[in-house]
Amino acid sequence: MSPDGSGGDPAQRGARPARAGAETTIIKRGGRGHGHDDEHGGTWKVAFADFCLALMCLFLVLWLISSREEEAVRKLSQSLAYEGGTGLLPGEGGQRDDRGLGEVPAETPHGEPVDGQQAEQEQPRFYELPQDMQQLAERLRQLGEEAGLEDNLGLAITDQGLRVMLHDTDRRGVFRLGSAVPNERFRDLLRRLGAVFAGVGNPIVLVGHTDALPYREAGGAARSNWHLSSERALAARTLLLEGGMPDTAVLQSVGMAANAPLTPDDPTAAVNRRIEFMILDAGHADAMRRMFGVPLSPRPLIEGVQMVGSGPATAAP
């Protein structure tokens, strides 16, 4: 207030005089802008971790693709290998088989290739004793059960070896009617049998059979049950080869038409339409070779008749 009592400056009226010796505290407030650390925070770490994870997944996928391609190339090389050749990859060779052009190896019902195509071939084993034949028969029986075709599979241990029969039933046939083309389920079973036979060292005889009904085809008597039974035996051999059986395993493949029925009293029964695999023991296999090969001790049975592999016959004194 002025000396005359009139009002002065309002700011001066409201101000209090500072006390002597008092300290003045000055508070400085920063701007509202974010600093460098506040701007980025920890989000870059999360993004970098996601990037590393995606990169690892990419490398894993590329590695899996590379492994599958290498396996596919190896299988292709094995399928194209021929007898005396080297295959497509080093150290690979093989024997030429009889699978037809355009045939695609089938997969098993479990989604795997048949045993003879996806696994290393086991060393062939020679089955000679009855108990050995029984073990082999049990293994084949299990294959029939797994395929749901146990009613079409017959097994018998004989003096000659193990007799395996794939025959028709009233509700299911091995081959298409009047044809040498097996039905699909039996194609798969034959390939599985071929994988088993790949580990069998015994010689095998394939025999085709028909029933007694005459073979009818346009064109007359040019074809008969003899042709049909022989062609069915050869068709079975082809599928066994596809399964992994070596082409040297079969000692003989024949067709018997309707001359060896399982039911002589009913020669037209479905069970007579069949193919058989006779797994021979050593003695009977040698006897069959001698039957059609060079005799061990050739001698003329008739004067003047020359034997195969021998010199001219000499007249008896």
C-alpha atoms as a PDB file:
ATOM      1  CA  MET A   1       0.000   0.000   0.000  1.00  0.00           C
ATOM      2  CA  SER A   2       1.251   3.488  -0.859  1.00  0.00           C
ATOM      3  CA  PRO A   3       2.014   5.934   1.897  1.00  0.00           C
ATOM      4  CA  ASP A   4      -1.194   7.740   1.199  1.00  0.00           C
ATOM      5  CA  GLY A   5      -3.205   4.574   1.851  1.00  0.00           C
ATOM      6  CA  SER A   6      -4.226   4.029  -1.800  1.00  0.00           C
ATOM      7  CA  GLY A   7      -3.969   0.597  -3.362  1.00  0.00           C
ATOM      8  CA  GLY A   8      -0.823  -0.303  -5.279  1.00  0.00           C
ATOM      9  CA  ASP A   9       0.011  -3.063  -7.788  1.00  0.00           C
ATOM     10  CA  PRO A  10      -2.063  -6.164  -7.081  1.00  0.00           C
ATOM     11  CA  ALA A  11       0.948  -8.412  -7.691  1.00  0.00           C
ATOM     12  CA  GLN A  12       2.876  -6.455  -5.158  1.00  0.00           C
ATOM     13  CA  ARG A  13      -0.045  -6.572  -2.752  1.00  0.00           C
ATOM     14  CA  GLY A  14      -0.241 -10.425  -2.948  1.00  0.00           C
ATOM     15  CA  ALA A  15       3.496 -11.091  -2.713  1.00  0.00           C
ATOM     16  CA  ARG A  16       5.027 -11.995   0.580  1.00  0.00           C
ATOM     17  CA  PRO A  17       8.476 -10.788   1.346  1.00  0.00           C
ATOM     18  CA  ALA A  18      11.056 -13.594   1.343  1.00  0.00           C
ATOM     19  CA  ARG A  19      12.409 -14.503   4.654  1.00  0.00           C
ATOM     20  CA  ALA A  20      15.998 -13.832   5.226  1.00  0.00           C
ATOM     21  CA  GLY A  21      18.187 -16.942   4.734  1.00  0.00           C
ATOM     22  CA  ALA A  22      15.391 -19.091   3.120  1.00  0.00           C
ATOM     23  CA  GLU A  23      16.352 -21.435   0.199  1.00  0.00           C
ATOM     24  CA  THR A  24      14.457 -21.338  -3.048  1.00  0.00           C
ATOM     25  CA  THR A  25      13.534 -24.755  -4.618  1.00  0.00           C
ATOM     26  CA  ILE A  26      13.348 -24.761  -8.394  1.00  0.00           C
ATOM     27  CA  ILE A  27      11.460 -27.663 -10.096  1.00  0.00           C
ATOM     28  CA  LYS A  28      12.139 -28.130 -13.776  1.00  0.00           C
ATOM     29  CA  ARG A  29       9.668 -30.259 -15.720  1.00  0.00           C
ATOM     30  CA  GLY A  30      10.792 -32.010 -18.899  1.00  0.00           C
ATOM     31  CA  GLY A  31       8.857 -32.126 -22.146  1.00  0.00           C
ATOM     32  CA  ARG A  32       6.265 -34.772 -22.843  1.00  0.00           C
ATOM     33  CA  GLY A  33       8.276 -36.363 -25.723  1.00  0.00           C
ATOM     34  CA  HIS A  34       9.419 -40.059 -25.326  1.00  0.00           C
ATOM     35  CA  GLY A  35      13.067 -40.953 -25.097  1.00  0.00           C
ATOM     36  CA  HIS A  36      14.870 -43.487 -27.311  1.00  0.00           C
ATOM     37  CA  ASP A  37      14.329 -46.411 -24.934  1.00  0.00           C
ATOM     38  CA  ASP A  38      10.698 -45.543 -24.310  1.00  0.00           C
ATOM     39  CA  GLU A  39      10.067 -45.368 -28.043  1.00  0.00           C
ATOM     40  CA  HIS A  40      11.244 -48.972 -28.755  1.00  0.00           C
ATOM     41  CA  GLY A  41      10.628 -50.674 -25.459  1.00  0.00           C
ATOM     42  CA  GLY A  42      10.944 -54.553 -25.521  1.00  0.00           C
ATOM     43  CA  THR A  43       8.885 -55.208 -28.656  1.00  0.00           C
ATOM     44  CA  TRP A  44      11.982 -55.672 -30.839  1.00  0.00           C
ATOM     45  CA  LYS A  45      13.005 -58.657 -28.742  1.00  0.00           C
ATOM     46  CA  VAL A  46       9.668 -60.387 -29.359  1.00  0.00           C
ATOM     47  CA  ALA A  47       9.873 -59.701 -33.097  1.00  0.00           C
ATOM     48  CA  PHE A  48      13.438 -61.036 -33.272  1.00  0.00           C
ATOM     49  CA  ALA A  49      12.442 -64.206 -31.413  1.00  0.00           C
ATOM     50  CA  ASP A  50       9.568 -64.771 -33.848  1.00  0.00           C
ATOM     51  CA  PHE A  51      11.941 -64.308 -36.766  1.00  0.00           C
ATOM     52  CA  CYS A  52      14.428 -66.847 -35.359  1.00  0.00           C
ATOM     53  CA  LEU A  53      11.641 -69.367 -34.772  1.00  0.00           C
ATOM     54  CA  ALA A  54      10.327 -68.970 -38.321  1.00  0.00           C
ATOM     55  CA  LEU A  55      13.851 -69.344 -39.710  1.00  0.00           C
ATOM     56  CA  MET A  56      14.410 -72.529 -37.723  1.00  0.00           C
ATOM     57  CA  CYS A  57      11.112 -73.970 -38.993  1.00  0.00           C
ATOM     58  CA  LEU A  58      12.121 -73.117 -42.560  1.00  0.00           C
ATOM     59  CA  PHE A  59      15.451 -74.942 -42.235  1.00  0.00           C
ATOM     60  CA  LEU A  60      13.690 -77.936 -40.688  1.00  0.00           C
ATOM     61  CA  VAL A  61      11.222 -78.158 -43.584  1.00  0.00           C
ATOM     62  CA  LEU A  62      14.039 -77.864 -46.137  1.00  0.00           C
ATOM     63  CA  TRP A  63      15.949 -80.654 -44.395  1.00  0.00           C
ATOM     64  CA  LEU A  64      12.922 -82.954 -44.404  1.00  0.00           C
ATOM     65  CA  ILE A  65      12.268 -82.284 -48.096  1.00  0.00           C
ATOM     66  CA  SER A  66      15.909 -83.000 -48.920  1.00  0.00           C
ATOM     67  CA  SER A  67      15.813 -86.302 -47.030  1.00  0.00           C
ATOM     68  CA  ARG A  68      12.650 -87.469 -48.786  1.00  0.00           C
ATOM     69  CA  GLU A  69      14.033 -86.506 -52.199  1.00  0.00           C
ATOM     70  CA  GLU A  70      17.212 -88.511 -51.551  1.00  0.00           C
ATOM     71  CA  GLU A  71      15.149 -91.544 -50.533  1.00  0.00           C
ATOM     72  CA  ALA A  72      12.942 -91.206 -53.623  1.00  0.00           C
ATOM     73  CA  VAL A  73      15.980 -90.996 -55.905  1.00  0.00           C
ATOM     74  CA  ARG A  74      17.464 -94.107 -54.302  1.00  0.00           C
ATOM     75  CA  LYS A  75      14.236 -96.066 -54.787  1.00  0.00           C
ATOM     76  CA  LEU A  76      14.034 -94.919 -58.397  1.00  0.00           C
ATOM     77  CA  SER A  77      17.617 -96.014 -58.956  1.00  0.00           C
ATOM     78  CA  GLN A  78      16.914 -99.444 -57.523  1.00  0.00           C
ATOM     79  CA  SER A  79      13.819 -99.875 -59.672  1.00  0.00           C
ATOM     80  CA  LEU A  80      15.762 -98.986 -62.840  1.00  0.00           C
ATOM     81  CA  ALA A  81      18.798-101.121 -62.082  1.00  0.00           C
ATOM     82  CA  TYR A  82      19.341-104.028 -64.443  1.00  0.00           C
ATOM     83  CA  GLU A  83      21.354-107.192 -64.374  1.00  0.00           C
ATOM     84  CA  GLY A  84      25.040-106.359 -64.712  1.00  0.00           C
ATOM     85  CA  GLY A  85      24.375-102.617 -64.452  1.00  0.00           C
ATOM     86  CA  THR A  86      25.388-100.129 -61.814  1.00  0.00           C
ATOM     87  CA  GLY A  87      22.123 -98.286 -61.206  1.00  0.00           C
ATOM     88  CA  LEU A  88      21.827 -94.526 -60.929  1.00  0.00           C
ATOM     89  CA  LEU A  89      23.726 -94.204 -57.665  1.00  0.00           C
ATOM     90  CA  PRO A  90      27.263 -95.471 -56.886  1.00  0.00           C
ATOM     91  CA  GLY A  91      27.446 -99.011 -55.592  1.00  0.00           C
ATOM     92  CA  GLU A  92      23.958 -99.939 -56.740  1.00  0.00           C
ATOM     93  CA  GLY A  93      23.095-102.690 -59.133  1.00  0.00           C
ATOM     94  CA  GLY A  94      20.395-105.218 -59.538  1.00  0.00           C
ATOM     95  CA  GLN A  95      18.795-107.937 -61.536  1.00  0.00           C
ATOM     96  CA  ARG A  96      16.229-107.331 -64.182  1.00  0.00           C
ATOM     97  CA  ASP A  97      12.756-108.397 -63.121  1.00  0.00           C
ATOM     98  CA  ASP A  98       9.636-109.215 -65.073  1.00  0.00           C
ATOM     99  CA  ARG A  99       7.283-106.510 -63.888  1.00  0.00           C
ATOM    100  CA  GLY A 100       5.292-105.058 -66.744  1.00  0.00           C
ATOM    101  CA  LEU A 101       5.502-101.531 -68.046  1.00  0.00           C
ATOM    102  CA  GLY A 102       3.152 -99.155 -66.321  1.00  0.00           C
ATOM    103  CA  GLU A 103       2.905-101.274 -63.181  1.00  0.00           C
ATOM    104  CA  VAL A 104       3.063 -99.157 -60.046  1.00  0.00           C
ATOM    105  CA  PRO A 105       4.163-100.968 -56.877  1.00  0.00           C
ATOM    106  CA  ALA A 106       1.205-100.976 -54.549  1.00  0.00           C
ATOM    107  CA  GLU A 107       1.237 -99.988 -50.921  1.00  0.00           C
ATOM    108  CA  THR A 108       0.116-102.148 -48.088  1.00  0.00           C
ATOM    109  CA  PRO A 109      -3.187-101.479 -46.288  1.00  0.00           C
ATOM    110  CA  HIS A 110      -1.104 -99.901 -43.513  1.00  0.00           C
ATOM    111  CA  GLY A 111       0.159 -97.202 -45.860  1.00  0.00           C
ATOM    112  CA  GLU A 112       3.622 -98.669 -46.227  1.00  0.00           C
ATOM    113  CA  PRO A 113       5.244-100.116 -49.293  1.00  0.00           C
ATOM    114  CA  VAL A 114       5.326-103.867 -49.431  1.00  0.00           C
ATOM    115  CA  ASP A 115       8.089-105.436 -47.377  1.00  0.00           C
ATOM    116  CA  GLY A 116      10.280-106.410 -50.294  1.00  0.00           C
ATOM    117  CA  GLN A 117      10.375-102.804 -51.561  1.00  0.00           C
ATOM    118  CA  GLN A 118      11.012-100.763 -48.427  1.00  0.00           C
ATOM    119  CA  ALA A 119      13.294-102.970 -46.332  1.00  0.00           C
ATOM    120  CA  GLU A 120      16.599-104.601 -46.899  1.00  0.00           C
ATOM    121  CA  GLN A 121      16.228-108.127 -48.167  1.00  0.00           C
ATOM    122  CA  GLU A 122      16.909-110.706 -45.508  1.00  0.00           C
ATOM    123  CA  GLN A 123      19.352-113.483 -46.250  1.00  0.00           C
ATOM    124  CA  PRO A 124      17.512-116.439 -47.842  1.00  0.00           C
ATOM    125  CA  ARG A 125      16.933-119.305 -45.452  1.00  0.00           C
ATOM    126  CA  PHE A 126      16.523-122.909 -46.518  1.00  0.00           C
ATOM    127  CA  TYR A 127      13.556-124.631 -44.876  1.00  0.00           C
ATOM    128  CA  GLU A 128      14.121-128.365 -44.641  1.00  0.00           C
ATOM    129  CA  LEU A 129      12.810-129.773 -41.371  1.00  0.00           C
ATOM    130  CA  PRO A 130       9.056-130.139 -40.724  1.00  0.00           C
ATOM    131  CA  GLN A 131       9.224-127.697 -37.820  1.00  0.00           C
ATOM    132  CA  ASP A 132      10.862-125.150 -40.125  1.00  0.00           C
ATOM    133  CA  MET A 133       8.084-125.617 -42.657  1.00  0.00           C
ATOM    134  CA  GLN A 134       5.563-125.165 -39.845  1.00  0.00           C
ATOM    135  CA  GLN A 135       7.086-121.800 -38.925  1.00  0.00           C
ATOM    136  CA  LEU A 136       6.917-120.665 -42.539  1.00  0.00           C
ATOM    137  CA  ALA A 137       3.313-121.856 -42.830  1.00  0.00           C
ATOM    138  CA  GLU A 138       2.343-119.888 -39.731  1.00  0.00           C
ATOM    139  CA  ARG A 139       3.918-116.760 -41.166  1.00  0.00           C
ATOM    140  CA  LEU A 140       1.962-117.139 -44.405  1.00  0.00           C
ATOM    141  CA  ARG A 141      -1.236-117.820 -42.487  1.00  0.00           C
ATOM    142  CA  GLN A 142      -0.831-114.531 -40.631  1.00  0.00           C
ATOM    143  CA  LEU A 143      -0.472-112.713 -43.950  1.00  0.00           C
ATOM    144  CA  GLY A 144      -3.776-114.185 -45.082  1.00  0.00           C
ATOM    145  CA  GLU A 145      -5.483-113.067 -41.887  1.00  0.00           C
ATOM    146  CA  GLU A 146      -4.069-109.547 -42.132  1.00  0.00           C
ATOM    147  CA  ALA A 147      -5.410-109.287 -45.684  1.00  0.00           C
ATOM    148  CA  GLY A 148      -8.803-110.664 -44.635  1.00  0.00           C
ATOM    149  CA  LEU A 149      -8.399-113.535 -47.126  1.00  0.00           C
ATOM    150  CA  GLU A 150      -7.847-116.448 -44.758  1.00  0.00           C
ATOM    151  CA  ASP A 151     -10.793-118.303 -46.337  1.00  0.00           C
ATOM    152  CA  ASN A 152      -8.970-118.267 -49.679  1.00  0.00           C
ATOM    153  CA  LEU A 153      -5.612-119.466 -48.353  1.00  0.00           C
ATOM    154  CA  GLY A 154      -4.805-123.142 -47.868  1.00  0.00           C
ATOM    155  CA  LEU A 155      -1.606-124.535 -46.337  1.00  0.00           C
ATOM    156  CA  ALA A 156      -0.377-128.114 -46.079  1.00  0.00           C
ATOM    157  CA  ILE A 157       2.961-129.692 -45.150  1.00  0.00           C
ATOM    158  CA  THR A 158       3.601-132.676 -47.418  1.00  0.00           C
ATOM    159  CA  ASP A 159       6.452-135.092 -48.086  1.00  0.00           C
ATOM    160  CA  GLN A 160       7.648-132.752 -50.839  1.00  0.00           C
ATOM    161  CA  GLY A 161       7.614-129.550 -48.776  1.00  0.00           C
ATOM    162  CA  LEU A 162       5.095-126.785 -48.035  1.00  0.00           C
ATOM    163  CA  ARG A 163       2.040-126.515 -50.272  1.00  0.00           C
ATOM    164  CA  VAL A 164       0.455-123.049 -50.453  1.00  0.00           C
ATOM    165  CA  MET A 165      -2.895-122.655 -52.229  1.00  0.00           C
ATOM    166  CA  LEU A 166      -4.803-119.508 -53.193  1.00  0.00           C
ATOM    167  CA  HIS A 167      -8.246-120.680 -54.270  1.00  0.00           C
ATOM    168  CA  ASP A 168     -11.665-119.258 -55.061  1.00  0.00           C
ATOM    169  CA  THR A 169     -14.646-119.425 -52.746  1.00  0.00           C
ATOM    170  CA  ASP A 170     -18.324-119.077 -53.563  1.00  0.00           C
ATOM    171  CA  ARG A 171     -18.229-115.381 -52.688  1.00  0.00           C
ATOM    172  CA  ARG A 172     -14.704-114.332 -53.667  1.00  0.00           C
ATOM    173  CA  GLY A 173     -12.471-115.212 -56.614  1.00  0.00           C
ATOM    174  CA  VAL A 174      -8.700-114.920 -56.898  1.00  0.00           C
ATOM    175  CA  PHE A 175      -8.849-113.934 -60.585  1.00  0.00           C
ATOM    176  CA  ARG A 176     -11.426-112.142 -62.644  1.00  0.00           C
ATOM    177  CA  LEU A 177     -13.816-114.519 -64.330  1.00  0.00           C
ATOM    178  CA  GLY A 178     -12.195-116.191 -67.333  1.00  0.00           C
ATOM    179  CA  SER A 179      -9.144-113.939 -67.001  1.00  0.00           C
ATOM    180  CA  ALA A 180      -5.541-114.141 -65.827  1.00  0.00           C
ATOM    181  CA  VAL A 181      -5.835-110.764 -64.074  1.00  0.00           C
ATOM    182  CA  PRO A 182      -5.974-111.133 -60.271  1.00  0.00           C
ATOM    183  CA  ASN A 183      -8.451-109.106 -58.277  1.00  0.00           C
ATOM    184  CA  GLU A 184      -6.931-106.178 -56.415  1.00  0.00           C
ATOM    185  CA  ARG A 185      -6.924-107.681 -52.919  1.00  0.00           C
ATOM    186  CA  PHE A 186      -5.125-110.759 -54.190  1.00  0.00           C
ATOM    187  CA  ARG A 187      -2.627-108.610 -56.066  1.00  0.00           C
ATOM    188  CA  ASP A 188      -1.637-107.065 -52.751  1.00  0.00           C
ATOM    189  CA  LEU A 189      -1.496-110.468 -51.052  1.00  0.00           C
ATOM    190  CA  LEU A 190       0.696-111.926 -53.803  1.00  0.00           C
ATOM    191  CA  ARG A 191       3.130-109.041 -53.408  1.00  0.00           C
ATOM    192  CA  ARG A 192       3.247-109.706 -49.682  1.00  0.00           C
ATOM    193  CA  LEU A 193       3.906-113.370 -50.351  1.00  0.00           C
ATOM    194  CA  GLY A 194       6.714-112.337 -52.686  1.00  0.00           C
ATOM    195  CA  ALA A 195       8.323-110.379 -49.849  1.00  0.00           C
ATOM    196  CA  VAL A 196       8.258-113.504 -47.688  1.00  0.00           C
ATOM    197  CA  PHE A 197       9.557-115.726 -50.497  1.00  0.00           C
ATOM    198  CA  ALA A 198      12.488-113.323 -50.879  1.00  0.00           C
ATOM    199  CA  GLY A 199      13.813-114.804 -47.645  1.00  0.00           C
ATOM    200  CA  VAL A 200      13.183-118.424 -48.665  1.00  0.00           C
ATOM    201  CA  GLY A 201      16.029-120.322 -50.295  1.00  0.00           C
ATOM    202  CA  ASN A 202      13.938-123.317 -51.341  1.00  0.00           C
ATOM    203  CA  PRO A 203      13.020-123.700 -55.030  1.00  0.00           C
ATOM    204  CA  ILE A 204       9.352-122.992 -55.747  1.00  0.00           C
ATOM    205  CA  VAL A 205       7.011-124.610 -58.261  1.00  0.00           C
ATOM    206  CA  LEU A 206       4.033-122.523 -59.459  1.00  0.00           C
ATOM    207  CA  VAL A 207       0.959-124.381 -60.681  1.00  0.00           C
ATOM    208  CA  GLY A 208      -2.247-122.938 -62.114  1.00  0.00           C
ATOM    209  CA  HIS A 209      -5.561-124.824 -61.951  1.00  0.00           C
ATOM    210  CA  THR A 210      -9.057-124.284 -63.349  1.00  0.00           C
ATOM    211  CA  ASP A 211     -12.379-125.981 -62.798  1.00  0.00           C
ATOM    212  CA  ALA A 212     -13.884-128.402 -65.296  1.00  0.00           C
ATOM    213  CA  LEU A 213     -16.090-125.845 -67.034  1.00  0.00           C
ATOM    214  CA  PRO A 214     -14.917-125.435 -70.649  1.00  0.00           C
ATOM    215  CA  TYR A 215     -13.223-122.176 -71.527  1.00  0.00           C
ATOM    216  CA  ARG A 216     -15.437-120.111 -73.813  1.00  0.00           C
ATOM    217  CA  GLU A 217     -14.053-117.361 -75.975  1.00  0.00           C
ATOM    218  CA  ALA A 218     -15.007-115.844 -79.270  1.00  0.00           C
ATOM    219  CA  GLY A 219     -12.833-117.470 -81.889  1.00  0.00           C
ATOM    220  CA  GLY A 220     -13.421-121.131 -81.205  1.00  0.00           C
ATOM    221  CA  ALA A 221     -10.964-123.550 -79.668  1.00  0.00           C
ATOM    222  CA  ALA A 222      -7.879-121.370 -80.026  1.00  0.00           C
ATOM    223  CA  ARG A 223      -7.781-121.056 -76.239  1.00  0.00           C
ATOM    224  CA  SER A 224      -8.623-123.464 -73.474  1.00  0.00           C
ATOM    225  CA  ASN A 225      -8.259-124.041 -69.750  1.00  0.00           C
ATOM    226  CA  TRP A 226      -4.658-125.025 -70.459  1.00  0.00           C
ATOM    227  CA  HIS A 227      -3.889-121.502 -71.602  1.00  0.00           C
ATOM    228  CA  LEU A 228      -5.822-119.952 -68.736  1.00  0.00           C
ATOM    229  CA  SER A 229      -4.166-122.019 -65.998  1.00  0.00           C
ATOM    230  CA  SER A 230      -0.675-121.408 -67.412  1.00  0.00           C
ATOM    231  CA  GLU A 231      -1.258-117.666 -67.739  1.00  0.00           C
ATOM    232  CA  ARG A 232      -2.554-117.452 -64.181  1.00  0.00           C
ATOM    233  CA  ALA A 233       0.586-119.144 -62.867  1.00  0.00           C
ATOM    234  CA  LEU A 234       2.754-116.663 -64.776  1.00  0.00           C
ATOM    235  CA  ALA A 235       0.641-113.719 -63.588  1.00  0.00           C
ATOM    236  CA  ALA A 236       1.169-114.861 -60.008  1.00  0.00           C
ATOM    237  CA  ARG A 237       4.918-115.095 -60.639  1.00  0.00           C
ATOM    238  CA  THR A 238       4.986-111.494 -61.898  1.00  0.00           C
ATOM    239  CA  LEU A 239       3.330-110.204 -58.728  1.00  0.00           C
ATOM    240  CA  LEU A 240       5.640-112.279 -56.538  1.00  0.00           C
ATOM    241  CA  LEU A 241       8.581-110.654 -58.310  1.00  0.00           C
ATOM    242  CA  GLU A 242       7.089-107.223 -57.658  1.00  0.00           C
ATOM    243  CA  GLY A 243       6.968-108.120 -53.980  1.00  0.00           C
ATOM    244  CA  GLY A 244      10.685-108.868 -53.884  1.00  0.00           C
ATOM    245  CA  MET A 245      11.031-112.545 -54.733  1.00  0.00           C
ATOM    246  CA  PRO A 246      14.162-113.133 -56.882  1.00  0.00           C
ATOM    247  CA  ASP A 247      13.525-114.382 -60.411  1.00  0.00           C
ATOM    248  CA  THR A 248      15.718-117.424 -59.723  1.00  0.00           C
ATOM    249  CA  ALA A 249      13.383-118.680 -56.984  1.00  0.00           C
ATOM    250  CA  VAL A 250      10.881-120.345 -59.334  1.00  0.00           C
ATOM    251  CA  LEU A 251      12.012-123.766 -60.533  1.00  0.00           C
ATOM    252  CA  GLN A 252       8.939-124.431 -62.672  1.00  0.00           C
ATOM    253  CA  SER A 253       5.717-122.693 -63.699  1.00  0.00           C
ATOM    254  CA  VAL A 254       3.004-124.860 -65.229  1.00  0.00           C
ATOM    255  CA  GLY A 255      -0.719-124.988 -65.906  1.00  0.00           C
ATOM    256  CA  MET A 256      -2.692-128.157 -65.223  1.00  0.00           C
ATOM    257  CA  ALA A 257      -6.111-127.018 -66.455  1.00  0.00           C
ATOM    258  CA  ALA A 258      -8.745-129.120 -64.630  1.00  0.00           C
ATOM    259  CA  ASN A 259      -6.658-132.286 -64.231  1.00  0.00           C
ATOM    260  CA  ALA A 260      -5.991-132.027 -60.484  1.00  0.00           C
ATOM    261  CA  PRO A 261      -9.229-130.955 -58.755  1.00  0.00           C
ATOM    262  CA  LEU A 262      -9.372-130.589 -54.991  1.00  0.00           C
ATOM    263  CA  THR A 263     -12.928-131.960 -55.088  1.00  0.00           C
ATOM    264  CA  PRO A 264     -12.991-134.835 -57.601  1.00  0.00           C
ATOM    265  CA  ASP A 265     -16.691-135.421 -56.917  1.00  0.00           C
ATOM    266  CA  ASP A 266     -17.478-131.822 -57.877  1.00  0.00           C
ATOM    267  CA  PRO A 267     -14.927-130.748 -60.511  1.00  0.00           C
ATOM    268  CA  THR A 268     -16.759-127.462 -61.184  1.00  0.00           C
ATOM    269  CA  ALA A 269     -16.565-126.286 -57.557  1.00  0.00           C
ATOM    270  CA  ALA A 270     -15.057-122.864 -56.921  1.00  0.00           C
ATOM    271  CA  VAL A 271     -12.240-124.257 -54.768  1.00  0.00           C
ATOM    272  CA  ASN A 272     -10.757-125.999 -57.819  1.00  0.00           C
ATOM    273  CA  ARG A 273      -9.957-122.622 -59.397  1.00  0.00           C
ATOM    274  CA  ARG A 274      -6.640-121.872 -57.759  1.00  0.00           C
ATOM    275  CA  ILE A 275      -2.922-121.267 -57.991  1.00  0.00           C
ATOM    276  CA  GLU A 276      -0.428-123.209 -55.912  1.00  0.00           C
ATOM    277  CA  PHE A 277       3.101-122.576 -54.698  1.00  0.00           C
ATOM    278  CA  MET A 278       5.017-125.727 -53.829  1.00  0.00           C
ATOM    279  CA  ILE A 279       8.039-124.889 -51.685  1.00  0.00           C
ATOM    280  CA  LEU A 280      10.223-127.926 -52.283  1.00  0.00           C
ATOM    281  CA  ASP A 281      12.770-129.477 -49.975  1.00  0.00           C
ATOM    282  CA  ALA A 282      16.271-130.148 -51.287  1.00  0.00           C
ATOM    283  CA  GLY A 283      15.710-133.779 -52.252  1.00  0.00           C
ATOM    284  CA  HIS A 284      12.590-133.217 -54.343  1.00  0.00           C
ATOM    285  CA  ALA A 285      14.048-130.103 -55.974  1.00  0.00           C
ATOM    286  CA  ASP A 286      17.095-132.100 -57.097  1.00  0.00           C
ATOM    287  CA  ALA A 287      14.867-134.914 -58.336  1.00  0.00           C
ATOM    288  CA  MET A 288      12.891-132.465 -60.478  1.00  0.00           C
ATOM    289  CA  ARG A 289      16.065-130.996 -61.936  1.00  0.00           C
ATOM    290  CA  ARG A 290      17.307-134.469 -62.827  1.00  0.00           C
ATOM    291  CA  MET A 291      13.938-135.327 -64.334  1.00  0.00           C
ATOM    292  CA  PHE A 292      14.233-132.578 -66.944  1.00  0.00           C
ATOM    293  CA  GLY A 293      17.992-132.057 -67.032  1.00  0.00           C
ATOM    294  CA  VAL A 294      20.914-134.264 -67.970  1.00  0.00           C
ATOM    295  CA  PRO A 295      20.696-137.654 -66.211  1.00  0.00           C
ATOM    296  CA  LEU A 296      23.419-138.388 -63.709  1.00  0.00           C
ATOM    297  CA  SER A 297      24.402-141.647 -65.437  1.00  0.00           C
ATOM    298  CA  PRO A 298      23.138-141.407 -69.017  1.00  0.00           C
ATOM    299  CA  ARG A 299      22.995-144.691 -70.851  1.00  0.00           C
ATOM    300  CA  PRO A 300      21.029-145.675 -73.928  1.00  0.00           C
ATOM    301  CA  LEU A 301      17.849-147.537 -73.201  1.00  0.00           C
ATOM    302  CA  ILE A 302      17.334-148.389 -76.860  1.00  0.00           C
ATOM    303  CA  GLU A 303      20.064-149.388 -79.246  1.00  0.00           C
ATOM    304  CA  GLY A 304      21.109-146.524 -81.508  1.00  0.00           C
ATOM    305  CA  VAL A 305      19.388-143.777 -79.462  1.00  0.00           C
ATOM    306  CA  GLN A 306      21.734-140.957 -78.490  1.00  0.00           C
ATOM    307  CA  MET A 307      21.233-139.467 -75.014  1.00  0.00           C
ATOM    308  CA  VAL A 308      21.512-135.776 -74.334  1.00  0.00           C
ATOM    309  CA  GLY A 309      25.032-134.937 -73.266  1.00  0.00           C
ATOM    310  CA  SER A 310      26.441-138.323 -74.224  1.00  0.00           C
ATOM    311  CA  GLY A 311      28.264-139.696 -77.187  1.00  0.00           C
ATOM    312  CA  PRO A 312      26.792-141.984 -79.827  1.00  0.00           C
ATOM    313  CA  ALA A 313      25.172-145.062 -78.411  1.00  0.00           C
ATOM    314  CA  THR A 314      27.048-148.272 -78.954  1.00  0.00           C
ATOM    315  CA  ALA A 315      25.383-151.530 -79.736  1.00  0.00           C
ATOM    316  CA  ALA A 316      25.261-154.070 -76.993  1.00  0.00           C
ATOM    317  CA  PRO A 317      27.590-157.045 -77.529  1.00  0.00           C
END
